[in-house]
């Protein structure tokens, strides 16, 4: 055998040993209990009717109220 064949045999043996070693290792299975601090509170997005409703473009409020609309709102919701 020449030197190149021996090099590929050594590479093959090293990679086979590495792969078999990785498959033999068992990783511990960690089971985490749910954290109460990380739970999402759905009441935080609840709308109870007191929040003002407005259209937004990003952080900028779009005011489309005209004088007639404001007067109508004042008549309907005193």
N, C-alpha and C. Protein backbone atom coordinates (compact mmCIF):
# COMPACT_ATOMS: atom_id res chain seq x y z
N UNK A 1 0.84 -1.18 0.00
CA UNK A 1 0.00 0.00 0.00
C UNK A 1 0.88 1.24 0.00
N UNK A 2 0.36 2.22 -0.66
CA UNK A 2 1.13 3.46 -0.67
C UNK A 2 0.68 4.36 0.47
N UNK A 3 1.31 5.49 0.62
CA UNK A 3 1.07 6.39 1.76
C UNK A 3 -0.31 7.04 1.68
N UNK A 4 -0.78 7.27 0.45
CA UNK A 4 -2.09 7.92 0.32
C UNK A 4 -3.20 6.99 0.80
N UNK A 5 -3.11 5.72 0.49
CA UNK A 5 -4.11 4.77 0.94
C UNK A 5 -4.13 4.66 2.46
N UNK A 6 -2.95 4.64 3.05
CA UNK A 6 -2.87 4.57 4.51
C UNK A 6 -3.46 5.83 5.15
N UNK A 7 -3.27 6.98 4.51
CA UNK A 7 -3.84 8.23 5.03
C UNK A 7 -5.36 8.16 5.03
N UNK A 8 -5.96 7.66 3.92
CA UNK A 8 -7.42 7.58 3.85
C UNK A 8 -7.98 6.53 4.80
N UNK A 9 -7.23 5.45 5.04
CA UNK A 9 -7.66 4.45 6.02
C UNK A 9 -7.65 5.06 7.42
N UNK A 10 -6.63 5.83 7.73
CA UNK A 10 -6.54 6.48 9.04
C UNK A 10 -7.66 7.50 9.21
N UNK A 11 -7.95 8.26 8.15
CA UNK A 11 -9.05 9.24 8.22
C UNK A 11 -10.38 8.51 8.41
N UNK A 12 -10.59 7.41 7.70
CA UNK A 12 -11.81 6.62 7.84
C UNK A 12 -11.98 6.05 9.23
N UNK A 13 -10.89 5.51 9.78
CA UNK A 13 -10.96 4.95 11.13
C UNK A 13 -11.22 6.04 12.17
N UNK A 14 -10.60 7.19 12.02
CA UNK A 14 -10.80 8.28 12.97
C UNK A 14 -12.22 8.80 12.90
N UNK A 15 -12.76 8.94 11.68
CA UNK A 15 -14.13 9.44 11.57
C UNK A 15 -15.13 8.40 12.08
N UNK A 16 -14.89 7.12 11.85
CA UNK A 16 -15.78 6.07 12.37
C UNK A 16 -15.75 6.06 13.90
N UNK A 17 -14.58 6.23 14.48
CA UNK A 17 -14.47 6.27 15.93
C UNK A 17 -15.18 7.49 16.49
N UNK A 18 -15.04 8.60 15.82
CA UNK A 18 -15.70 9.84 16.27
C UNK A 18 -17.22 9.71 16.21
N UNK A 19 -17.72 9.16 15.11
CA UNK A 19 -19.17 9.02 14.95
C UNK A 19 -19.73 8.04 15.98
N UNK A 20 -19.05 6.92 16.18
CA UNK A 20 -19.56 5.95 17.15
C UNK A 20 -19.49 6.50 18.57
N UNK A 21 -18.49 7.30 18.87
CA UNK A 21 -18.38 7.91 20.20
C UNK A 21 -19.51 8.92 20.43
N UNK A 22 -19.85 9.68 19.40
CA UNK A 22 -20.94 10.66 19.55
C UNK A 22 -22.28 9.98 19.72
N UNK A 23 -22.50 8.85 19.05
CA UNK A 23 -23.78 8.16 19.18
C UNK A 23 -23.91 7.44 20.52
N UNK A 24 -22.80 7.09 21.14
CA UNK A 24 -22.86 6.38 22.42
C UNK A 24 -23.13 7.33 23.58
N UNK A 25 -22.84 8.59 23.41
CA UNK A 25 -23.09 9.55 24.48
C UNK A 25 -24.59 9.81 24.60
N UNK A 26 -25.11 9.71 25.80
CA UNK A 26 -26.52 10.00 26.02
C UNK A 26 -26.62 11.32 26.74
N UNK A 27 -27.38 12.20 26.16
CA UNK A 27 -27.56 13.51 26.76
C UNK A 27 -28.70 13.42 27.77
N UNK A 28 -28.54 14.01 28.93
CA UNK A 28 -29.61 13.94 29.92
C UNK A 28 -30.83 14.74 29.45
N UNK A 29 -31.99 14.15 29.63
CA UNK A 29 -33.21 14.83 29.25
C UNK A 29 -33.67 15.68 30.42
N UNK A 30 -33.70 16.96 30.20
CA UNK A 30 -34.09 17.89 31.24
C UNK A 30 -35.55 18.28 31.02
N UNK A 31 -36.34 18.12 32.04
CA UNK A 31 -37.75 18.49 31.96
C UNK A 31 -37.96 19.71 32.83
N UNK A 32 -38.38 20.79 32.20
CA UNK A 32 -38.60 22.03 32.92
C UNK A 32 -40.09 22.19 33.22
N UNK A 33 -40.37 22.64 34.41
CA UNK A 33 -41.75 22.97 34.76
C UNK A 33 -42.07 24.36 34.22
N UNK A 34 -43.30 24.63 33.82
CA UNK A 34 -43.63 25.97 33.32
C UNK A 34 -43.46 27.02 34.40
N UNK A 35 -42.90 28.13 33.99
CA UNK A 35 -42.64 29.22 34.94
C UNK A 35 -43.83 30.16 34.97
N UNK A 36 -44.28 30.51 36.15
CA UNK A 36 -45.41 31.43 36.29
C UNK A 36 -45.01 32.84 35.86
N UNK A 37 -43.75 33.19 36.02
CA UNK A 37 -43.31 34.54 35.63
C UNK A 37 -43.24 34.71 34.13
N UNK A 38 -43.04 33.60 33.40
CA UNK A 38 -42.91 33.70 31.95
C UNK A 38 -44.24 33.52 31.23
N UNK A 39 -45.29 33.22 31.94
CA UNK A 39 -46.60 33.05 31.31
C UNK A 39 -47.13 34.40 30.82
N UNK A 40 -47.84 34.39 29.71
CA UNK A 40 -48.39 35.60 29.14
C UNK A 40 -49.73 35.89 29.82
N UNK A 41 -49.93 37.12 30.23
CA UNK A 41 -51.16 37.53 30.88
C UNK A 41 -52.12 38.03 29.80
N UNK A 42 -53.18 37.27 29.44
CA UNK A 42 -54.07 37.70 28.37
C UNK A 42 -54.90 38.93 28.74
N UNK A 43 -55.03 39.23 30.02
CA UNK A 43 -55.83 40.40 30.41
C UNK A 43 -55.11 41.70 30.07
N UNK A 44 -53.85 41.62 29.76
CA UNK A 44 -53.11 42.84 29.47
C UNK A 44 -53.56 43.46 28.15
N UNK A 45 -54.12 42.67 27.24
CA UNK A 45 -54.59 43.19 25.96
C UNK A 45 -56.11 43.34 25.91
N UNK A 46 -56.76 43.15 27.05
CA UNK A 46 -58.22 43.21 27.06
C UNK A 46 -58.67 44.65 26.86
N UNK A 47 -59.71 44.83 26.09
CA UNK A 47 -60.26 46.16 25.84
C UNK A 47 -61.57 46.26 26.60
N UNK A 48 -61.64 47.18 27.56
CA UNK A 48 -62.85 47.29 28.37
C UNK A 48 -63.74 48.46 27.95
N UNK A 49 -63.43 49.09 26.83
CA UNK A 49 -64.27 50.16 26.31
C UNK A 49 -63.86 51.55 26.76
N UNK A 50 -62.95 51.67 27.70
CA UNK A 50 -62.53 53.00 28.15
C UNK A 50 -61.36 53.54 27.35
N UNK A 51 -60.67 52.68 26.62
CA UNK A 51 -59.53 53.13 25.85
C UNK A 51 -60.01 53.88 24.61
N UNK A 52 -59.33 54.97 24.26
CA UNK A 52 -59.72 55.68 23.05
C UNK A 52 -59.33 54.87 21.81
N UNK A 53 -60.19 54.92 20.83
CA UNK A 53 -59.93 54.19 19.59
C UNK A 53 -59.45 55.20 18.56
N UNK A 54 -58.31 54.95 17.97
CA UNK A 54 -57.76 55.83 16.95
C UNK A 54 -56.97 55.00 15.96
N UNK A 55 -56.88 55.49 14.74
CA UNK A 55 -56.06 54.82 13.75
C UNK A 55 -54.63 55.31 13.89
N UNK A 56 -53.68 54.40 13.74
CA UNK A 56 -52.27 54.74 13.89
C UNK A 56 -51.50 54.31 12.66
N UNK A 57 -50.50 55.10 12.33
CA UNK A 57 -49.54 54.77 11.30
C UNK A 57 -48.20 54.69 12.00
N UNK A 58 -47.83 53.49 12.45
CA UNK A 58 -46.65 53.35 13.28
C UNK A 58 -46.95 53.93 14.65
N UNK A 59 -46.17 54.89 15.10
CA UNK A 59 -46.42 55.55 16.37
C UNK A 59 -47.18 56.87 16.19
N UNK A 60 -47.52 57.19 14.97
CA UNK A 60 -48.16 58.46 14.67
C UNK A 60 -49.67 58.26 14.56
N UNK A 61 -50.44 59.04 15.29
CA UNK A 61 -51.89 58.93 15.24
C UNK A 61 -52.41 59.67 14.02
N UNK A 62 -53.35 59.04 13.32
CA UNK A 62 -53.95 59.66 12.16
C UNK A 62 -55.25 60.29 12.61
N UNK A 63 -55.32 61.60 12.63
CA UNK A 63 -56.54 62.31 13.01
C UNK A 63 -57.35 62.60 11.76
N UNK A 64 -58.49 61.96 11.67
CA UNK A 64 -59.38 62.19 10.54
C UNK A 64 -60.69 62.79 11.01
N UNK A 65 -60.73 63.23 12.27
CA UNK A 65 -61.96 63.80 12.80
C UNK A 65 -62.22 65.16 12.17
N UNK A 66 -63.41 65.34 11.74
CA UNK A 66 -63.83 66.65 11.26
C UNK A 66 -64.77 67.25 12.31
N UNK A 67 -65.11 68.47 12.13
CA UNK A 67 -65.99 69.15 13.07
C UNK A 67 -67.35 68.45 13.15
N UNK A 68 -67.88 67.99 12.01
CA UNK A 68 -69.18 67.31 11.99
C UNK A 68 -69.11 65.98 12.73
N UNK A 69 -68.01 65.25 12.57
CA UNK A 69 -67.87 63.98 13.27
C UNK A 69 -67.80 64.19 14.77
N UNK A 70 -67.07 65.21 15.21
CA UNK A 70 -66.97 65.47 16.65
C UNK A 70 -68.32 65.88 17.23
N UNK A 71 -69.08 66.66 16.48
CA UNK A 71 -70.40 67.06 16.94
C UNK A 71 -71.33 65.84 17.06
N UNK A 72 -71.26 64.95 16.08
CA UNK A 72 -72.06 63.75 16.11
C UNK A 72 -71.68 62.87 17.29
N UNK A 73 -70.38 62.76 17.57
CA UNK A 73 -69.94 61.99 18.73
C UNK A 73 -70.45 62.59 20.03
N UNK A 74 -70.46 63.91 20.13
CA UNK A 74 -70.93 64.56 21.34
C UNK A 74 -72.43 64.33 21.53
N UNK A 75 -73.18 64.24 20.42
CA UNK A 75 -74.62 63.99 20.53
C UNK A 75 -74.88 62.55 20.92
N UNK A 76 -74.11 61.61 20.35
CA UNK A 76 -74.36 60.20 20.62
C UNK A 76 -73.82 59.77 21.98
N UNK A 77 -72.69 60.29 22.36
CA UNK A 77 -72.04 59.89 23.62
C UNK A 77 -71.84 61.13 24.49
N UNK A 78 -72.86 61.50 25.26
CA UNK A 78 -72.73 62.74 26.06
C UNK A 78 -71.78 62.62 27.22
